[in-house]
């Protein structure tokens, strides 16, 4: 009888903006898949990031919340240094579309080829091809995990929108944005 290991077991994953929403869901799911997760957050999100970290610990996972602004080269270097000191060099870096700009890959330097960009809940890709550190089964599992997290986060957002609407605090502009987003994802 052969023992199959988890493809993401002990892979070190930095999740940018993981204190809430889709980033938090990706962090939780990668931890469940065996990855060691760095929960990146902006300083104002400290409590939320610590909650995600605690949730991962509670399920037997390994995580570390590290503050850094992905828009700052100095902060990105701090994040990479803290990750290396705490766990080792990252194998995976997941970044949501909010942080994409023309200098993004430059800020991550030699680690840019490890970046996975989540441009929408249904579109994840690597700007640089060549996943040196990830075997095919790990790439498959990473994509599967991120897609599942995106679906859960989208459903949660839709549920929150419905609750807000019922409470009378959901404006028509927000409803239209949500409808357009949902239509794009389903197309």
Foldseek 3Di string as FASTA:
>chain_A
DDDDAQQQAAAEEEQAQCLDFLSLLLQLLSQVSHYAYEDEHAPVSVVSSVVSQVVSVVVVGHYHYDYFDLLDLVRLVVVQVVSCVPRRGHLAYEYELVNDDPCNLVSNPPCLQRYWYHDALQDIDRPDDDSPVGDPSSVVVSNVSSNVSSVVSLVVVVVVLVVCVVVVNRDPVNVVVNVVSVVVNVD
